Amino acid sequence: MRQVKIMLGDLNYHNVHQSIMFQSVPINIGYIGQYVNQKFGKEAHVSLYKDPHEFFSKLKEDKPDIVALSQYI
């Protein structure tokens, strides 16, 4: 059986003008990724991204089955 490919992105905090002390941990996608790993094990492959350039590069290179993004206001 083929693994389901899931990309989770928390791209909100990444920018060159933001101080390193104001950057935060993408805990929300971390929790979701861990839940998927516990629930589905080797049936799913989860990858986490904070850098938008890396995210879109991987998206073009290897099409995932599921993409989920977080958003804060």
PDB file of N, CA and C in Angstrom:
ATOM      1  N   MET A   1       0.828  -1.172   0.000  1.00  0.00           N
ATOM      2  CA  MET A   1       0.000   0.000   0.000  1.00  0.00           C
ATOM      3  C   MET A   1       0.887   1.256   0.000  1.00  0.00           C
ATOM      4  N   ARG A   2       0.510   2.233  -0.782  1.00  0.00           N
ATOM      5  CA  ARG A   2       1.259   3.480  -0.895  1.00  0.00           C
ATOM      6  C   ARG A   2       0.989   4.372   0.316  1.00  0.00           C
ATOM      7  N   GLN A   3       2.042   5.017   0.813  1.00  0.00           N
ATOM      8  CA  GLN A   3       1.887   5.964   1.919  1.00  0.00           C
ATOM      9  C   GLN A   3       1.150   7.214   1.450  1.00  0.00           C
ATOM     10  N   VAL A   4       0.286   7.719   2.299  1.00  0.00           N
ATOM     11  CA  VAL A   4      -0.373   8.996   2.047  1.00  0.00           C
ATOM     12  C   VAL A   4       0.627  10.090   2.417  1.00  0.00           C
ATOM     13  N   LYS A   5       0.872  11.027   1.487  1.00  0.00           N
ATOM     14  CA  LYS A   5       1.819  12.124   1.735  1.00  0.00           C
ATOM     15  C   LYS A   5       1.063  13.348   2.213  1.00  0.00           C
ATOM     16  N   ILE A   6       1.447  13.846   3.402  1.00  0.00           N
ATOM     17  CA  ILE A   6       0.783  14.987   4.019  1.00  0.00           C
ATOM     18  C   ILE A   6       1.815  16.071   4.281  1.00  0.00           C
ATOM     19  N   MET A   7       1.547  17.274   3.795  1.00  0.00           N
ATOM     20  CA  MET A   7       2.411  18.434   4.059  1.00  0.00           C
ATOM     21  C   MET A   7       1.657  19.398   4.962  1.00  0.00           C
ATOM     22  N   LEU A   8       2.285  19.747   6.094  1.00  0.00           N
ATOM     23  CA  LEU A   8       1.702  20.702   7.024  1.00  0.00           C
ATOM     24  C   LEU A   8       2.581  21.937   7.048  1.00  0.00           C
ATOM     25  N   GLY A   9       1.972  23.104   6.881  1.00  0.00           N
ATOM     26  CA  GLY A   9       2.740  24.339   6.843  1.00  0.00           C
ATOM     27  C   GLY A   9       2.276  25.355   7.866  1.00  0.00           C
ATOM     28  N   ASP A  10       3.234  25.924   8.574  1.00  0.00           N
ATOM     29  CA  ASP A  10       3.006  27.049   9.478  1.00  0.00           C
ATOM     30  C   ASP A  10       3.896  28.169   8.966  1.00  0.00           C
ATOM     31  N   LEU A  11       3.460  28.854   7.926  1.00  0.00           N
ATOM     32  CA  LEU A  11       4.294  29.797   7.188  1.00  0.00           C
ATOM     33  C   LEU A  11       4.130  31.234   7.679  1.00  0.00           C
ATOM     34  N   ASN A  12       3.327  31.448   8.683  1.00  0.00           N
ATOM     35  CA  ASN A  12       2.970  32.776   9.154  1.00  0.00           C
ATOM     36  C   ASN A  12       4.121  33.575   9.752  1.00  0.00           C
ATOM     37  N   TYR A  13       5.063  32.935  10.405  1.00  0.00           N
ATOM     38  CA  TYR A  13       6.074  33.647  11.174  1.00  0.00           C
ATOM     39  C   TYR A  13       7.371  33.886  10.433  1.00  0.00           C
ATOM     40  N   HIS A  14       7.517  33.366   9.265  1.00  0.00           N
ATOM     41  CA  HIS A  14       8.799  33.431   8.566  1.00  0.00           C
ATOM     42  C   HIS A  14       8.883  34.678   7.685  1.00  0.00           C
ATOM     43  N   ASN A  15       9.744  35.609   8.083  1.00  0.00           N
ATOM     44  CA  ASN A  15      10.067  36.713   7.199  1.00  0.00           C
ATOM     45  C   ASN A  15      11.411  37.301   7.608  1.00  0.00           C
ATOM     46  N   VAL A  16      12.081  37.929   6.686  1.00  0.00           N
ATOM     47  CA  VAL A  16      13.449  38.408   6.904  1.00  0.00           C
ATOM     48  C   VAL A  16      13.501  39.632   7.811  1.00  0.00           C
ATOM     49  N   HIS A  17      12.386  40.286   8.047  1.00  0.00           N
ATOM     50  CA  HIS A  17      12.368  41.502   8.852  1.00  0.00           C
ATOM     51  C   HIS A  17      12.052  41.247  10.325  1.00  0.00           C
ATOM     52  N   GLN A  18      11.694  40.033  10.644  1.00  0.00           N
ATOM     53  CA  GLN A  18      11.279  39.714  11.994  1.00  0.00           C
ATOM     54  C   GLN A  18      12.473  39.284  12.841  1.00  0.00           C
ATOM     55  N   SER A  19      12.551  39.801  14.036  1.00  0.00           N
ATOM     56  CA  SER A  19      13.611  39.450  14.968  1.00  0.00           C
ATOM     57  C   SER A  19      13.494  37.982  15.359  1.00  0.00           C
ATOM     58  N   ILE A  20      14.628  37.333  15.588  1.00  0.00           N
ATOM     59  CA  ILE A  20      14.648  35.925  15.970  1.00  0.00           C
ATOM     60  C   ILE A  20      13.915  35.708  17.295  1.00  0.00           C
ATOM     61  N   MET A  21      13.920  36.706  18.188  1.00  0.00           N
ATOM     62  CA  MET A  21      13.266  36.527  19.483  1.00  0.00           C
ATOM     63  C   MET A  21      11.742  36.526  19.390  1.00  0.00           C
ATOM     64  N   PHE A  22      11.170  36.979  18.278  1.00  0.00           N
ATOM     65  CA  PHE A  22       9.728  36.994  18.120  1.00  0.00           C
ATOM     66  C   PHE A  22       9.209  35.800  17.312  1.00  0.00           C
ATOM     67  N   GLN A  23      10.081  34.942  16.880  1.00  0.00           N
ATOM     68  CA  GLN A  23       9.632  33.774  16.142  1.00  0.00           C
ATOM     69  C   GLN A  23       9.100  32.735  17.129  1.00  0.00           C
ATOM     70  N   SER A  24       8.108  31.985  16.714  1.00  0.00           N
ATOM     71  CA  SER A  24       7.510  31.005  17.613  1.00  0.00           C
ATOM     72  C   SER A  24       7.594  29.606  17.013  1.00  0.00           C
ATOM     73  N   VAL A  25       7.305  28.656  17.845  1.00  0.00           N
ATOM     74  CA  VAL A  25       7.361  27.246  17.471  1.00  0.00           C
ATOM     75  C   VAL A  25       6.036  26.859  16.808  1.00  0.00           C
ATOM     76  N   PRO A  26       6.078  26.096  15.722  1.00  0.00           N
ATOM     77  CA  PRO A  26       4.832  25.675  15.047  1.00  0.00           C
ATOM     78  C   PRO A  26       4.173  24.504  15.771  1.00  0.00           C
ATOM     79  N   ILE A  27       3.788  24.728  17.014  1.00  0.00           N
ATOM     80  CA  ILE A  27       3.281  23.638  17.849  1.00  0.00           C
ATOM     81  C   ILE A  27       1.980  23.044  17.312  1.00  0.00           C
ATOM     82  N   ASN A  28       1.156  23.874  16.664  1.00  0.00           N
ATOM     83  CA  ASN A  28      -0.131  23.383  16.145  1.00  0.00           C
ATOM     84  C   ASN A  28       0.074  22.295  15.090  1.00  0.00           C
ATOM     85  N   ILE A  29       0.929  22.531  14.105  1.00  0.00           N
ATOM     86  CA  ILE A  29       1.154  21.493  13.090  1.00  0.00           C
ATOM     87  C   ILE A  29       1.950  20.327  13.671  1.00  0.00           C
ATOM     88  N   GLY A  30       2.742  20.599  14.703  1.00  0.00           N
ATOM     89  CA  GLY A  30       3.461  19.517  15.388  1.00  0.00           C
ATOM     90  C   GLY A  30       2.500  18.555  16.054  1.00  0.00           C
ATOM     91  N   TYR A  31       1.486  19.098  16.723  1.00  0.00           N
ATOM     92  CA  TYR A  31       0.470  18.255  17.360  1.00  0.00           C
ATOM     93  C   TYR A  31      -0.316  17.454  16.321  1.00  0.00           C
ATOM     94  N   ILE A  32      -0.682  18.097  15.233  1.00  0.00           N
ATOM     95  CA  ILE A  32      -1.431  17.397  14.179  1.00  0.00           C
ATOM     96  C   ILE A  32      -0.579  16.293  13.566  1.00  0.00           C
ATOM     97  N   GLY A  33       0.680  16.625  13.277  1.00  0.00           N
ATOM     98  CA  GLY A  33       1.588  15.628  12.712  1.00  0.00           C
ATOM     99  C   GLY A  33       1.776  14.437  13.636  1.00  0.00           C
ATOM    100  N   GLN A  34       1.933  14.692  14.929  1.00  0.00           N
ATOM    101  CA  GLN A  34       2.096  13.604  15.898  1.00  0.00           C
ATOM    102  C   GLN A  34       0.840  12.753  15.995  1.00  0.00           C
ATOM    103  N   TYR A  35      -0.321  13.382  15.961  1.00  0.00           N
ATOM    104  CA  TYR A  35      -1.582  12.644  15.991  1.00  0.00           C
ATOM    105  C   TYR A  35      -1.686  11.709  14.784  1.00  0.00           C
ATOM    106  N   VAL A  36      -1.378  12.239  13.602  1.00  0.00           N
ATOM    107  CA  VAL A  36      -1.424  11.423  12.382  1.00  0.00           C
ATOM    108  C   VAL A  36      -0.455  10.241  12.502  1.00  0.00           C
ATOM    109  N   ASN A  37       0.756  10.495  13.007  1.00  0.00           N
ATOM    110  CA  ASN A  37       1.731   9.411  13.178  1.00  0.00           C
ATOM    111  C   ASN A  37       1.233   8.350  14.141  1.00  0.00           C
ATOM    112  N   GLN A  38       0.611   8.751  15.246  1.00  0.00           N
ATOM    113  CA  GLN A  38       0.091   7.790  16.216  1.00  0.00           C
ATOM    114  C   GLN A  38      -1.098   7.014  15.655  1.00  0.00           C
ATOM    115  N   LYS A  39      -1.961   7.708  14.931  1.00  0.00           N
ATOM    116  CA  LYS A  39      -3.192   7.091  14.422  1.00  0.00           C
ATOM    117  C   LYS A  39      -2.936   6.164  13.221  1.00  0.00           C
ATOM    118  N   PHE A  40      -2.052   6.596  12.304  1.00  0.00           N
ATOM    119  CA  PHE A  40      -1.884   5.874  11.051  1.00  0.00           C
ATOM    120  C   PHE A  40      -0.511   5.245  10.866  1.00  0.00           C
ATOM    121  N   GLY A  41       0.447   5.590  11.711  1.00  0.00           N
ATOM    122  CA  GLY A  41       1.771   4.976  11.648  1.00  0.00           C
ATOM    123  C   GLY A  41       2.423   5.100  10.279  1.00  0.00           C
ATOM    124  N   LYS A  42       2.853   3.973   9.728  1.00  0.00           N
ATOM    125  CA  LYS A  42       3.580   3.964   8.460  1.00  0.00           C
ATOM    126  C   LYS A  42       2.681   4.128   7.239  1.00  0.00           C
ATOM    127  N   GLU A  43       1.381   4.208   7.450  1.00  0.00           N
ATOM    128  CA  GLU A  43       0.462   4.411   6.337  1.00  0.00           C
ATOM    129  C   GLU A  43       0.505   5.844   5.823  1.00  0.00           C
ATOM    130  N   ALA A  44       1.064   6.760   6.640  1.00  0.00           N
ATOM    131  CA  ALA A  44       1.114   8.174   6.258  1.00  0.00           C
ATOM    132  C   ALA A  44       2.522   8.725   6.492  1.00  0.00           C
ATOM    133  N   HIS A  45       2.930   9.629   5.610  1.00  0.00           N
ATOM    134  CA  HIS A  45       4.204  10.337   5.770  1.00  0.00           C
ATOM    135  C   HIS A  45       3.881  11.815   5.929  1.00  0.00           C
ATOM    136  N   VAL A  46       4.256  12.379   7.088  1.00  0.00           N
ATOM    137  CA  VAL A  46       3.956  13.771   7.397  1.00  0.00           C
ATOM    138  C   VAL A  46       5.245  14.577   7.336  1.00  0.00           C
ATOM    139  N   SER A  47       5.188  15.739   6.674  1.00  0.00           N
ATOM    140  CA  SER A  47       6.329  16.663   6.674  1.00  0.00           C
ATOM    141  C   SER A  47       5.833  18.032   7.110  1.00  0.00           C
ATOM    142  N   LEU A  48       6.656  18.706   7.937  1.00  0.00           N
ATOM    143  CA  LEU A  48       6.313  20.002   8.517  1.00  0.00           C
ATOM    144  C   LEU A  48       7.196  21.084   7.922  1.00  0.00           C
ATOM    145  N   TYR A  49       6.612  22.259   7.662  1.00  0.00           N
ATOM    146  CA  TYR A  49       7.361  23.360   7.039  1.00  0.00           C
ATOM    147  C   TYR A  49       7.040  24.684   7.704  1.00  0.00           C
ATOM    148  N   LYS A  50       8.062  25.505   7.911  1.00  0.00           N
ATOM    149  CA  LYS A  50       7.906  26.892   8.347  1.00  0.00           C
ATOM    150  C   LYS A  50       8.360  27.853   7.254  1.00  0.00           C
ATOM    151  N   ASP A  51       9.307  27.433   6.462  1.00  0.00           N
ATOM    152  CA  ASP A  51       9.865  28.282   5.405  1.00  0.00           C
ATOM    153  C   ASP A  51       9.002  28.165   4.147  1.00  0.00           C
ATOM    154  N   PRO A  52       8.374  29.268   3.700  1.00  0.00           N
ATOM    155  CA  PRO A  52       7.505  29.194   2.525  1.00  0.00           C
ATOM    156  C   PRO A  52       8.230  28.782   1.251  1.00  0.00           C
ATOM    157  N   HIS A  53       9.480  29.185   1.110  1.00  0.00           N
ATOM    158  CA  HIS A  53      10.243  28.816  -0.091  1.00  0.00           C
ATOM    159  C   HIS A  53      10.476  27.312  -0.140  1.00  0.00           C
ATOM    160  N   GLU A  54      10.845  26.742   0.980  1.00  0.00           N
ATOM    161  CA  GLU A  54      11.043  25.288   1.059  1.00  0.00           C
ATOM    162  C   GLU A  54       9.720  24.560   0.835  1.00  0.00           C
ATOM    163  N   PHE A  55       8.646  25.088   1.424  1.00  0.00           N
ATOM    164  CA  PHE A  55       7.326  24.479   1.284  1.00  0.00           C
ATOM    165  C   PHE A  55       6.898  24.404  -0.178  1.00  0.00           C
ATOM    166  N   PHE A  56       6.973  25.551  -0.894  1.00  0.00           N
ATOM    167  CA  PHE A  56       6.519  25.569  -2.290  1.00  0.00           C
ATOM    168  C   PHE A  56       7.451  24.796  -3.217  1.00  0.00           C
ATOM    169  N   SER A  57       8.729  24.783  -2.897  1.00  0.00           N
ATOM    170  CA  SER A  57       9.676  23.991  -3.677  1.00  0.00           C
ATOM    171  C   SER A  57       9.333  22.504  -3.583  1.00  0.00           C
ATOM    172  N   LYS A  58       9.082  22.028  -2.373  1.00  0.00           N
ATOM    173  CA  LYS A  58       8.725  20.617  -2.165  1.00  0.00           C
ATOM    174  C   LYS A  58       7.361  20.309  -2.769  1.00  0.00           C
ATOM    175  N   LEU A  59       6.439  21.253  -2.684  1.00  0.00           N
ATOM    176  CA  LEU A  59       5.103  21.076  -3.245  1.00  0.00           C
ATOM    177  C   LEU A  59       5.165  20.838  -4.755  1.00  0.00           C
ATOM    178  N   LYS A  60       6.018  21.608  -5.441  1.00  0.00           N
ATOM    179  CA  LYS A  60       6.173  21.438  -6.891  1.00  0.00           C
ATOM    180  C   LYS A  60       6.895  20.145  -7.245  1.00  0.00           C
ATOM    181  N   GLU A  61       7.851  19.775  -6.421  1.00  0.00           N
ATOM    182  CA  GLU A  61       8.707  18.613  -6.681  1.00  0.00           C
ATOM    183  C   GLU A  61       7.983  17.283  -6.463  1.00  0.00           C
ATOM    184  N   ASP A  62       7.201  17.207  -5.398  1.00  0.00           N
ATOM    185  CA  ASP A  62       6.601  15.934  -4.995  1.00  0.00           C
ATOM    186  C   ASP A  62       5.173  16.186  -4.520  1.00  0.00           C
ATOM    187  N   LYS A  63       4.223  16.048  -5.398  1.00  0.00           N
ATOM    188  CA  LYS A  63       2.826  16.372  -5.101  1.00  0.00           C
ATOM    189  C   LYS A  63       2.297  15.538  -3.923  1.00  0.00           C
ATOM    190  N   PRO A  64       1.808  16.222  -2.863  1.00  0.00           N
ATOM    191  CA  PRO A  64       1.243  15.507  -1.716  1.00  0.00           C
ATOM    192  C   PRO A  64      -0.226  15.143  -1.953  1.00  0.00           C
ATOM    193  N   ASP A  65      -0.733  14.272  -1.104  1.00  0.00           N
ATOM    194  CA  ASP A  65      -2.151  13.928  -1.140  1.00  0.00           C
ATOM    195  C   ASP A  65      -2.973  14.936  -0.337  1.00  0.00           C
ATOM    196  N   ILE A  66      -2.371  15.452   0.735  1.00  0.00           N
ATOM    197  CA  ILE A  66      -3.052  16.393   1.614  1.00  0.00           C
ATOM    198  C   ILE A  66      -2.107  17.546   1.950  1.00  0.00           C
ATOM    199  N   VAL A  67      -2.629  18.771   1.896  1.00  0.00           N
ATOM    200  CA  VAL A  67      -1.889  19.950   2.333  1.00  0.00           C
ATOM    201  C   VAL A  67      -2.763  20.667   3.362  1.00  0.00           C
ATOM    202  N   ALA A  68      -2.151  21.040   4.489  1.00  0.00           N
ATOM    203  CA  ALA A  68      -2.867  21.787   5.520  1.00  0.00           C
ATOM    204  C   ALA A  68      -1.985  22.931   5.985  1.00  0.00           C
ATOM    205  N   LEU A  69      -2.583  24.107   6.128  1.00  0.00           N
ATOM    206  CA  LEU A  69      -1.849  25.291   6.558  1.00  0.00           C
ATOM    207  C   LEU A  69      -2.510  25.887   7.798  1.00  0.00           C
ATOM    208  N   SER A  70      -1.692  26.438   8.684  1.00  0.00           N
ATOM    209  CA  SER A  70      -2.231  27.114   9.854  1.00  0.00           C
ATOM    210  C   SER A  70      -2.258  28.610   9.591  1.00  0.00           C
ATOM    211  N   GLN A  71      -3.111  29.315  10.344  1.00  0.00           N
ATOM    212  CA  GLN A  71      -3.224  30.761  10.196  1.00  0.00           C
ATOM    213  C   GLN A  71      -3.553  31.375  11.540  1.00  0.00           C
ATOM    214  N   TYR A  72      -2.867  32.448  11.866  1.00  0.00           N
ATOM    215  CA  TYR A  72      -3.116  33.195  13.106  1.00  0.00           C
ATOM    216  C   TYR A  72      -3.444  34.634  12.759  1.00  0.00           C
ATOM    217  N   ILE A  73      -4.262  35.259  13.584  1.00  0.00           N
ATOM    218  CA  ILE A  73      -4.583  36.664  13.406  1.00  0.00           C
ATOM    219  C   ILE A  73      -4.266  37.390  14.709  1.00  0.00           C
TER     220      ILE A  73
END
